[in-house]
Amino acid sequence: MINIKFIKKENRVVAYDNEIEIGECEFKELDNTWNIIYTAVDSKYQGQGIAKTLIKCVIENSEKYNKNLIAECSYAKKILESNNI
């Protein structure tokens, strides 16, 4: 089972298959804005929507912490611009 964990002190969201890290989404905190800079999923797990779930977790937490959200990461930028979450 895939578990998603938001780790605010490390500015990242991590996907785990049991205890094995299989994906992550990293962001930088700049004043009132979080900038998603990196998203990756292990090749064995790609195509399952895990990257999108990682980004969705950052979006949900940005709302919780009242932060604006931007993305340098091309995949995250595409998701944010499409509003297809």
PDB file of N, CA and C in Angstrom:
ATOM      1  N   MET A   1       0.837  -1.188   0.000  1.00  0.00           N
ATOM      2  CA  MET A   1       0.000   0.000   0.000  1.00  0.00           C
ATOM      3  C   MET A   1       0.879   1.248   0.000  1.00  0.00           C
ATOM      4  N   ILE A   2       0.520   2.222  -0.823  1.00  0.00           N
ATOM      5  CA  ILE A   2       1.282   3.459  -0.930  1.00  0.00           C
ATOM      6  C   ILE A   2       0.779   4.448   0.127  1.00  0.00           C
ATOM      7  N   ASN A   3       1.706   4.990   0.908  1.00  0.00           N
ATOM      8  CA  ASN A   3       1.386   5.998   1.915  1.00  0.00           C
ATOM      9  C   ASN A   3       2.085   7.297   1.555  1.00  0.00           C
ATOM     10  N   ILE A   4       1.388   8.406   1.768  1.00  0.00           N
ATOM     11  CA  ILE A   4       1.921   9.737   1.487  1.00  0.00           C
ATOM     12  C   ILE A   4       2.133  10.457   2.806  1.00  0.00           C
ATOM     13  N   LYS A   5       3.306  11.053   2.980  1.00  0.00           N
ATOM     14  CA  LYS A   5       3.620  11.746   4.234  1.00  0.00           C
ATOM     15  C   LYS A   5       4.127  13.156   3.931  1.00  0.00           C
ATOM     16  N   PHE A   6       3.476  14.153   4.530  1.00  0.00           N
ATOM     17  CA  PHE A   6       3.898  15.549   4.421  1.00  0.00           C
ATOM     18  C   PHE A   6       4.892  15.823   5.540  1.00  0.00           C
ATOM     19  N   ILE A   7       6.088  16.302   5.186  1.00  0.00           N
ATOM     20  CA  ILE A   7       7.139  16.570   6.174  1.00  0.00           C
ATOM     21  C   ILE A   7       7.496  18.052   6.075  1.00  0.00           C
ATOM     22  N   LYS A   8       6.778  18.884   6.814  1.00  0.00           N
ATOM     23  CA  LYS A   8       6.931  20.334   6.697  1.00  0.00           C
ATOM     24  C   LYS A   8       8.342  20.800   7.025  1.00  0.00           C
ATOM     25  N   LYS A   9       8.953  20.242   8.073  1.00  0.00           N
ATOM     26  CA  LYS A   9      10.294  20.715   8.464  1.00  0.00           C
ATOM     27  C   LYS A   9      11.345  20.437   7.393  1.00  0.00           C
ATOM     28  N   GLU A  10      11.060  19.494   6.484  1.00  0.00           N
ATOM     29  CA  GLU A  10      11.979  19.196   5.378  1.00  0.00           C
ATOM     30  C   GLU A  10      11.488  19.766   4.050  1.00  0.00           C
ATOM     31  N   ASN A  11      10.344  20.446   4.077  1.00  0.00           N
ATOM     32  CA  ASN A  11       9.741  21.019   2.865  1.00  0.00           C
ATOM     33  C   ASN A  11       9.586  19.985   1.762  1.00  0.00           C
ATOM     34  N   ARG A  12       8.960  18.859   2.103  1.00  0.00           N
ATOM     35  CA  ARG A  12       8.741  17.832   1.093  1.00  0.00           C
ATOM     36  C   ARG A  12       7.598  16.902   1.471  1.00  0.00           C
ATOM     37  N   VAL A  13       7.113  16.232   0.461  1.00  0.00           N
ATOM     38  CA  VAL A  13       6.107  15.192   0.613  1.00  0.00           C
ATOM     39  C   VAL A  13       6.734  13.923   0.067  1.00  0.00           C
ATOM     40  N   VAL A  14       6.553  12.814   0.777  1.00  0.00           N
ATOM     41  CA  VAL A  14       7.201  11.564   0.397  1.00  0.00           C
ATOM     42  C   VAL A  14       6.158  10.466   0.236  1.00  0.00           C
ATOM     43  N   ALA A  15       6.335   9.648  -0.790  1.00  0.00           N
ATOM     44  CA  ALA A  15       5.496   8.469  -1.002  1.00  0.00           C
ATOM     45  C   ALA A  15       6.296   7.239  -0.572  1.00  0.00           C
ATOM     46  N   TYR A  16       5.638   6.381   0.202  1.00  0.00           N
ATOM     47  CA  TYR A  16       6.270   5.150   0.672  1.00  0.00           C
ATOM     48  C   TYR A  16       5.450   3.939   0.232  1.00  0.00           C
ATOM     49  N   ASP A  17       6.143   2.885  -0.161  1.00  0.00           N
ATOM     50  CA  ASP A  17       5.538   1.572  -0.347  1.00  0.00           C
ATOM     51  C   ASP A  17       6.056   0.769   0.839  1.00  0.00           C
ATOM     52  N   ASN A  18       5.191   0.546   1.811  1.00  0.00           N
ATOM     53  CA  ASN A  18       5.596   0.038   3.119  1.00  0.00           C
ATOM     54  C   ASN A  18       6.609   1.026   3.693  1.00  0.00           C
ATOM     55  N   GLU A  19       7.850   0.647   3.870  1.00  0.00           N
ATOM     56  CA  GLU A  19       8.839   1.569   4.440  1.00  0.00           C
ATOM     57  C   GLU A  19       9.832   2.070   3.399  1.00  0.00           C
ATOM     58  N   ILE A  20       9.625   1.715   2.133  1.00  0.00           N
ATOM     59  CA  ILE A  20      10.560   2.092   1.068  1.00  0.00           C
ATOM     60  C   ILE A  20      10.086   3.393   0.432  1.00  0.00           C
ATOM     61  N   GLU A  21      10.975   4.400   0.395  1.00  0.00           N
ATOM     62  CA  GLU A  21      10.653   5.669  -0.250  1.00  0.00           C
ATOM     63  C   GLU A  21      10.645   5.468  -1.765  1.00  0.00           C
ATOM     64  N   ILE A  22       9.505   5.793  -2.379  1.00  0.00           N
ATOM     65  CA  ILE A  22       9.367   5.560  -3.818  1.00  0.00           C
ATOM     66  C   ILE A  22       9.132   6.839  -4.608  1.00  0.00           C
ATOM     67  N   GLY A  23       8.926   7.955  -3.918  1.00  0.00           N
ATOM     68  CA  GLY A  23       8.713   9.212  -4.616  1.00  0.00           C
ATOM     69  C   GLY A  23       8.763  10.380  -3.659  1.00  0.00           C
ATOM     70  N   GLU A  24       8.984  11.573  -4.235  1.00  0.00           N
ATOM     71  CA  GLU A  24       9.005  12.767  -3.402  1.00  0.00           C
ATOM     72  C   GLU A  24       8.676  13.997  -4.222  1.00  0.00           C
ATOM     73  N   CYS A  25       8.215  15.001  -3.509  1.00  0.00           N
ATOM     74  CA  CYS A  25       7.956  16.316  -4.079  1.00  0.00           C
ATOM     75  C   CYS A  25       8.551  17.321  -3.103  1.00  0.00           C
ATOM     76  N   GLU A  26       9.488  18.131  -3.581  1.00  0.00           N
ATOM     77  CA  GLU A  26      10.166  19.103  -2.726  1.00  0.00           C
ATOM     78  C   GLU A  26       9.725  20.515  -3.084  1.00  0.00           C
ATOM     79  N   PHE A  27       9.675  21.362  -2.069  1.00  0.00           N
ATOM     80  CA  PHE A  27       9.342  22.756  -2.302  1.00  0.00           C
ATOM     81  C   PHE A  27      10.219  23.666  -1.448  1.00  0.00           C
ATOM     82  N   LYS A  28      10.414  24.897  -1.927  1.00  0.00           N
ATOM     83  CA  LYS A  28      11.127  25.932  -1.176  1.00  0.00           C
ATOM     84  C   LYS A  28      10.094  26.883  -0.589  1.00  0.00           C
ATOM     85  N   GLU A  29      10.346  27.335   0.620  1.00  0.00           N
ATOM     86  CA  GLU A  29       9.462  28.314   1.235  1.00  0.00           C
ATOM     87  C   GLU A  29      10.091  29.689   1.105  1.00  0.00           C
ATOM     88  N   LEU A  30       9.392  30.593   0.433  1.00  0.00           N
ATOM     89  CA  LEU A  30       9.859  31.958   0.219  1.00  0.00           C
ATOM     90  C   LEU A  30       8.783  32.901   0.749  1.00  0.00           C
ATOM     91  N   ASP A  31       9.009  33.455   1.914  1.00  0.00           N
ATOM     92  CA  ASP A  31       8.023  34.330   2.551  1.00  0.00           C
ATOM     93  C   ASP A  31       6.668  33.630   2.628  1.00  0.00           C
ATOM     94  N   ASN A  32       5.703  34.107   1.862  1.00  0.00           N
ATOM     95  CA  ASN A  32       4.344  33.587   1.914  1.00  0.00           C
ATOM     96  C   ASN A  32       4.047  32.614   0.778  1.00  0.00           C
ATOM     97  N   THR A  33       5.090  32.131   0.104  1.00  0.00           N
ATOM     98  CA  THR A  33       4.905  31.292  -1.080  1.00  0.00           C
ATOM     99  C   THR A  33       5.728  30.013  -0.980  1.00  0.00           C
ATOM    100  N   TRP A  34       5.125  28.926  -1.414  1.00  0.00           N
ATOM    101  CA  TRP A  34       5.854  27.672  -1.576  1.00  0.00           C
ATOM    102  C   TRP A  34       6.081  27.462  -3.057  1.00  0.00           C
ATOM    103  N   ASN A  35       7.319  27.164  -3.434  1.00  0.00           N
ATOM    104  CA  ASN A  35       7.698  26.920  -4.819  1.00  0.00           C
ATOM    105  C   ASN A  35       8.068  25.441  -4.968  1.00  0.00           C
ATOM    106  N   ILE A  36       7.243  24.693  -5.701  1.00  0.00           N
ATOM    107  CA  ILE A  36       7.540  23.275  -5.939  1.00  0.00           C
ATOM    108  C   ILE A  36       8.706  23.206  -6.925  1.00  0.00           C
ATOM    109  N   ILE A  37       9.812  22.617  -6.480  1.00  0.00           N
ATOM    110  CA  ILE A  37      11.027  22.613  -7.291  1.00  0.00           C
ATOM    111  C   ILE A  37      11.369  21.247  -7.871  1.00  0.00           C
ATOM    112  N   TYR A  38      10.772  20.183  -7.333  1.00  0.00           N
ATOM    113  CA  TYR A  38      11.195  18.854  -7.758  1.00  0.00           C
ATOM    114  C   TYR A  38      10.113  17.840  -7.444  1.00  0.00           C
ATOM    115  N   THR A  39       9.819  16.991  -8.401  1.00  0.00           N
ATOM    116  CA  THR A  39       8.896  15.876  -8.198  1.00  0.00           C
ATOM    117  C   THR A  39       9.462  14.666  -8.933  1.00  0.00           C
ATOM    118  N   ALA A  40       9.527  13.543  -8.252  1.00  0.00           N
ATOM    119  CA  ALA A  40      10.039  12.323  -8.884  1.00  0.00           C
ATOM    120  C   ALA A  40       9.395  11.095  -8.245  1.00  0.00           C
ATOM    121  N   VAL A  41       9.216  10.065  -9.076  1.00  0.00           N
ATOM    122  CA  VAL A  41       8.690   8.787  -8.616  1.00  0.00           C
ATOM    123  C   VAL A  41       9.563   7.687  -9.222  1.00  0.00           C
ATOM    124  N   ASP A  42       9.906   6.695  -8.419  1.00  0.00           N
ATOM    125  CA  ASP A  42      10.693   5.554  -8.886  1.00  0.00           C
ATOM    126  C   ASP A  42      10.043   4.973 -10.145  1.00  0.00           C
ATOM    127  N   SER A  43      10.857   4.614 -11.104  1.00  0.00           N
ATOM    128  CA  SER A  43      10.354   4.151 -12.406  1.00  0.00           C
ATOM    129  C   SER A  43       9.411   2.953 -12.292  1.00  0.00           C
ATOM    130  N   LYS A  44       9.602   2.110 -11.289  1.00  0.00           N
ATOM    131  CA  LYS A  44       8.739   0.942 -11.112  1.00  0.00           C
ATOM    132  C   LYS A  44       7.319   1.327 -10.700  1.00  0.00           C
ATOM    133  N   TYR A  45       7.138   2.567 -10.226  1.00  0.00           N
ATOM    134  CA  TYR A  45       5.844   3.007  -9.714  1.00  0.00           C
ATOM    135  C   TYR A  45       5.197   4.089 -10.581  1.00  0.00           C
ATOM    136  N   GLN A  46       5.837   4.450 -11.673  1.00  0.00           N
ATOM    137  CA  GLN A  46       5.293   5.504 -12.525  1.00  0.00           C
ATOM    138  C   GLN A  46       4.013   5.037 -13.210  1.00  0.00           C
ATOM    139  N   GLY A  47       3.181   6.010 -13.569  1.00  0.00           N
ATOM    140  CA  GLY A  47       1.933   5.710 -14.253  1.00  0.00           C
ATOM    141  C   GLY A  47       0.790   5.347 -13.328  1.00  0.00           C
ATOM    142  N   GLN A  48       0.990   5.504 -12.026  1.00  0.00           N
ATOM    143  CA  GLN A  48      -0.042   5.161 -11.046  1.00  0.00           C
ATOM    144  C   GLN A  48      -0.664   6.400 -10.389  1.00  0.00           C
ATOM    145  N   GLY A  49      -0.264   7.588 -10.838  1.00  0.00           N
ATOM    146  CA  GLY A  49      -0.814   8.816 -10.266  1.00  0.00           C
ATOM    147  C   GLY A  49      -0.148   9.257  -8.976  1.00  0.00           C
ATOM    148  N   ILE A  50       0.994   8.671  -8.661  1.00  0.00           N
ATOM    149  CA  ILE A  50       1.666   8.997  -7.401  1.00  0.00           C
ATOM    150  C   ILE A  50       2.199  10.419  -7.415  1.00  0.00           C
ATOM    151  N   ALA A  51       2.817  10.856  -8.503  1.00  0.00           N
ATOM    152  CA  ALA A  51       3.348  12.228  -8.582  1.00  0.00           C
ATOM    153  C   ALA A  51       2.223  13.242  -8.400  1.00  0.00           C
ATOM    154  N   LYS A  52       1.097  12.995  -9.031  1.00  0.00           N
ATOM    155  CA  LYS A  52      -0.055  13.891  -8.904  1.00  0.00           C
ATOM    156  C   LYS A  52      -0.550  13.924  -7.460  1.00  0.00           C
ATOM    157  N   THR A  53      -0.540  12.774  -6.794  1.00  0.00           N
ATOM    158  CA  THR A  53      -0.952  12.712  -5.391  1.00  0.00           C
ATOM    159  C   THR A  53       0.008  13.489  -4.505  1.00  0.00           C
ATOM    160  N   LEU A  54       1.311  13.410  -4.802  1.00  0.00           N
ATOM    161  CA  LEU A  54       2.301  14.175  -4.037  1.00  0.00           C
ATOM    162  C   LEU A  54       2.041  15.680  -4.175  1.00  0.00           C
ATOM    163  N   ILE A  55       1.785  16.117  -5.395  1.00  0.00           N
ATOM    164  CA  ILE A  55       1.529  17.536  -5.643  1.00  0.00           C
ATOM    165  C   ILE A  55       0.225  17.960  -4.974  1.00  0.00           C
ATOM    166  N   LYS A  56      -0.777  17.116  -5.041  1.00  0.00           N
ATOM    167  CA  LYS A  56      -2.054  17.409  -4.391  1.00  0.00           C
ATOM    168  C   LYS A  56      -1.856  17.607  -2.886  1.00  0.00           C
ATOM    169  N   CYS A  57      -0.993  16.821  -2.284  1.00  0.00           N
ATOM    170  CA  CYS A  57      -0.698  16.958  -0.859  1.00  0.00           C
ATOM    171  C   CYS A  57      -0.045  18.309  -0.560  1.00  0.00           C
ATOM    172  N   VAL A  58       0.866  18.751  -1.428  1.00  0.00           N
ATOM    173  CA  VAL A  58       1.476  20.075  -1.239  1.00  0.00           C
ATOM    174  C   VAL A  58       0.407  21.155  -1.359  1.00  0.00           C
ATOM    175  N   ILE A  59      -0.483  21.021  -2.335  1.00  0.00           N
ATOM    176  CA  ILE A  59      -1.558  22.000  -2.526  1.00  0.00           C
ATOM    177  C   ILE A  59      -2.436  22.073  -1.284  1.00  0.00           C
ATOM    178  N   GLU A  60      -2.863  20.933  -0.783  1.00  0.00           N
ATOM    179  CA  GLU A  60      -3.722  20.898   0.405  1.00  0.00           C
ATOM    180  C   GLU A  60      -3.046  21.542   1.605  1.00  0.00           C
ATOM    181  N   ASN A  61      -1.755  21.263   1.775  1.00  0.00           N
ATOM    182  CA  ASN A  61      -1.034  21.839   2.908  1.00  0.00           C
ATOM    183  C   ASN A  61      -0.739  23.318   2.708  1.00  0.00           C
ATOM    184  N   SER A  62      -0.561  23.756   1.468  1.00  0.00           N
ATOM    185  CA  SER A  62      -0.357  25.192   1.227  1.00  0.00           C
ATOM    186  C   SER A  62      -1.617  25.956   1.633  1.00  0.00           C
ATOM    187  N   GLU A  63      -2.770  25.365   1.392  1.00  0.00           N
ATOM    188  CA  GLU A  63      -4.029  25.995   1.814  1.00  0.00           C
ATOM    189  C   GLU A  63      -4.136  25.989   3.340  1.00  0.00           C
ATOM    190  N   LYS A  64      -3.773  24.881   3.950  1.00  0.00           N
ATOM    191  CA  LYS A  64      -3.814  24.752   5.413  1.00  0.00           C
ATOM    192  C   LYS A  64      -2.918  25.792   6.088  1.00  0.00           C
ATOM    193  N   TYR A  65      -1.724  26.014   5.523  1.00  0.00           N
ATOM    194  CA  TYR A  65      -0.766  26.963   6.105  1.00  0.00           C
ATOM    195  C   TYR A  65      -0.884  28.359   5.489  1.00  0.00           C
ATOM    196  N   ASN A  66      -1.907  28.557   4.650  1.00  0.00           N
ATOM    197  CA  ASN A  66      -2.191  29.866   4.056  1.00  0.00           C
ATOM    198  C   ASN A  66      -1.008  30.399   3.234  1.00  0.00           C
ATOM    199  N   LYS A  67      -0.467  29.526   2.356  1.00  0.00           N
ATOM    200  CA  LYS A  67       0.660  29.892   1.506  1.00  0.00           C
ATOM    201  C   LYS A  67       0.221  29.938   0.042  1.00  0.00           C
ATOM    202  N   ASN A  68       0.811  30.844  -0.708  1.00  0.00           N
ATOM    203  CA  ASN A  68       0.627  30.853  -2.161  1.00  0.00           C
ATOM    204  C   ASN A  68       1.485  29.725  -2.724  1.00  0.00           C
ATOM    205  N   LEU A  69       1.161  29.301  -3.945  1.00  0.00           N
ATOM    206  CA  LEU A  69       1.881  28.177  -4.513  1.00  0.00           C
ATOM    207  C   LEU A  69       2.284  28.482  -5.948  1.00  0.00           C
ATOM    208  N   ILE A  70       3.575  28.225  -6.249  1.00  0.00           N
ATOM    209  CA  ILE A  70       4.095  28.327  -7.610  1.00  0.00           C
ATOM    210  C   ILE A  70       4.922  27.067  -7.872  1.00  0.00           C
ATOM    211  N   ALA A  71       5.348  26.872  -9.122  1.00  0.00           N
ATOM    212  CA  ALA A  71       6.121  25.667  -9.419  1.00  0.00           C
ATOM    213  C   ALA A  71       7.195  25.933 -10.460  1.00  0.00           C
ATOM    214  N   GLU A  72       8.429  25.587 -10.115  1.00  0.00           N
ATOM    215  CA  GLU A  72       9.527  25.517 -11.080  1.00  0.00           C
ATOM    216  C   GLU A  72       9.510  24.150 -11.757  1.00  0.00           C
ATOM    217  N   CYS A  73       9.117  23.132 -11.030  1.00  0.00           N
ATOM    218  CA  CYS A  73       9.027  21.768 -11.552  1.00  0.00           C
ATOM    219  C   CYS A  73       8.008  21.760 -12.685  1.00  0.00           C
ATOM    220  N   SER A  74       8.420  21.295 -13.857  1.00  0.00           N
ATOM    221  CA  SER A  74       7.549  21.359 -15.034  1.00  0.00           C
ATOM    222  C   SER A  74       6.268  20.543 -14.864  1.00  0.00           C
ATOM    223  N   TYR A  75       6.364  19.373 -14.250  1.00  0.00           N
ATOM    224  CA  TYR A  75       5.163  18.550 -14.050  1.00  0.00           C
ATOM    225  C   TYR A  75       4.202  19.237 -13.083  1.00  0.00           C
ATOM    226  N   ALA A  76       4.725  19.739 -11.982  1.00  0.00           N
ATOM    227  CA  ALA A  76       3.880  20.426 -10.999  1.00  0.00           C
ATOM    228  C   ALA A  76       3.249  21.667 -11.616  1.00  0.00           C
ATOM    229  N   LYS A  77       4.018  22.385 -12.415  1.00  0.00           N
ATOM    230  CA  LYS A  77       3.499  23.584 -13.074  1.00  0.00           C
ATOM    231  C   LYS A  77       2.316  23.229 -13.974  1.00  0.00           C
ATOM    232  N   LYS A  78       2.448  22.138 -14.713  1.00  0.00           N
ATOM    233  CA  LYS A  78       1.372  21.681 -15.597  1.00  0.00           C
ATOM    234  C   LYS A  78       0.108  21.349 -14.777  1.00  0.00           C
ATOM    235  N   ILE A  79       0.283  20.688 -13.653  1.00  0.00           N
ATOM    236  CA  ILE A  79      -0.848  20.334 -12.791  1.00  0.00           C
ATOM    237  C   ILE A  79      -1.502  21.587 -12.232  1.00  0.00           C
ATOM    238  N   LEU A  80      -0.698  22.520 -11.740  1.00  0.00           N
ATOM    239  CA  LEU A  80      -1.252  23.752 -11.169  1.00  0.00           C
ATOM    240  C   LEU A  80      -1.998  24.577 -12.220  1.00  0.00           C
ATOM    241  N   GLU A  81      -1.440  24.664 -13.412  1.00  0.00           N
ATOM    242  CA  GLU A  81      -2.061  25.469 -14.460  1.00  0.00           C
ATOM    243  C   GLU A  81      -3.342  24.827 -14.999  1.00  0.00           C
ATOM    244  N   SER A  82      -3.411  23.512 -14.974  1.00  0.00           N
ATOM    245  CA  SER A  82      -4.590  22.837 -15.536  1.00  0.00           C
ATOM    246  C   SER A  82      -5.742  22.759 -14.547  1.00  0.00           C
ATOM    247  N   ASN A  83      -5.457  22.997 -13.260  1.00  0.00           N
ATOM    248  CA  ASN A  83      -6.466  22.816 -12.214  1.00  0.00           C
ATOM    249  C   ASN A  83      -7.066  21.423 -12.276  1.00  0.00           C
ATOM    250  N   ASN A  84      -6.319  20.457 -12.782  1.00  0.00           N
ATOM    251  CA  ASN A  84      -6.781  19.087 -12.929  1.00  0.00           C
ATOM    252  C   ASN A  84      -6.254  18.237 -11.776  1.00  0.00           C
ATOM    253  N   ILE A  85      -6.821  18.461 -10.615  1.00  0.00           N
ATOM    254  CA  ILE A  85      -6.291  17.827  -9.411  1.00  0.00           C
ATOM    255  C   ILE A  85      -7.236  16.747  -8.916  1.00  0.00           C
TER     256      ILE A  85
END
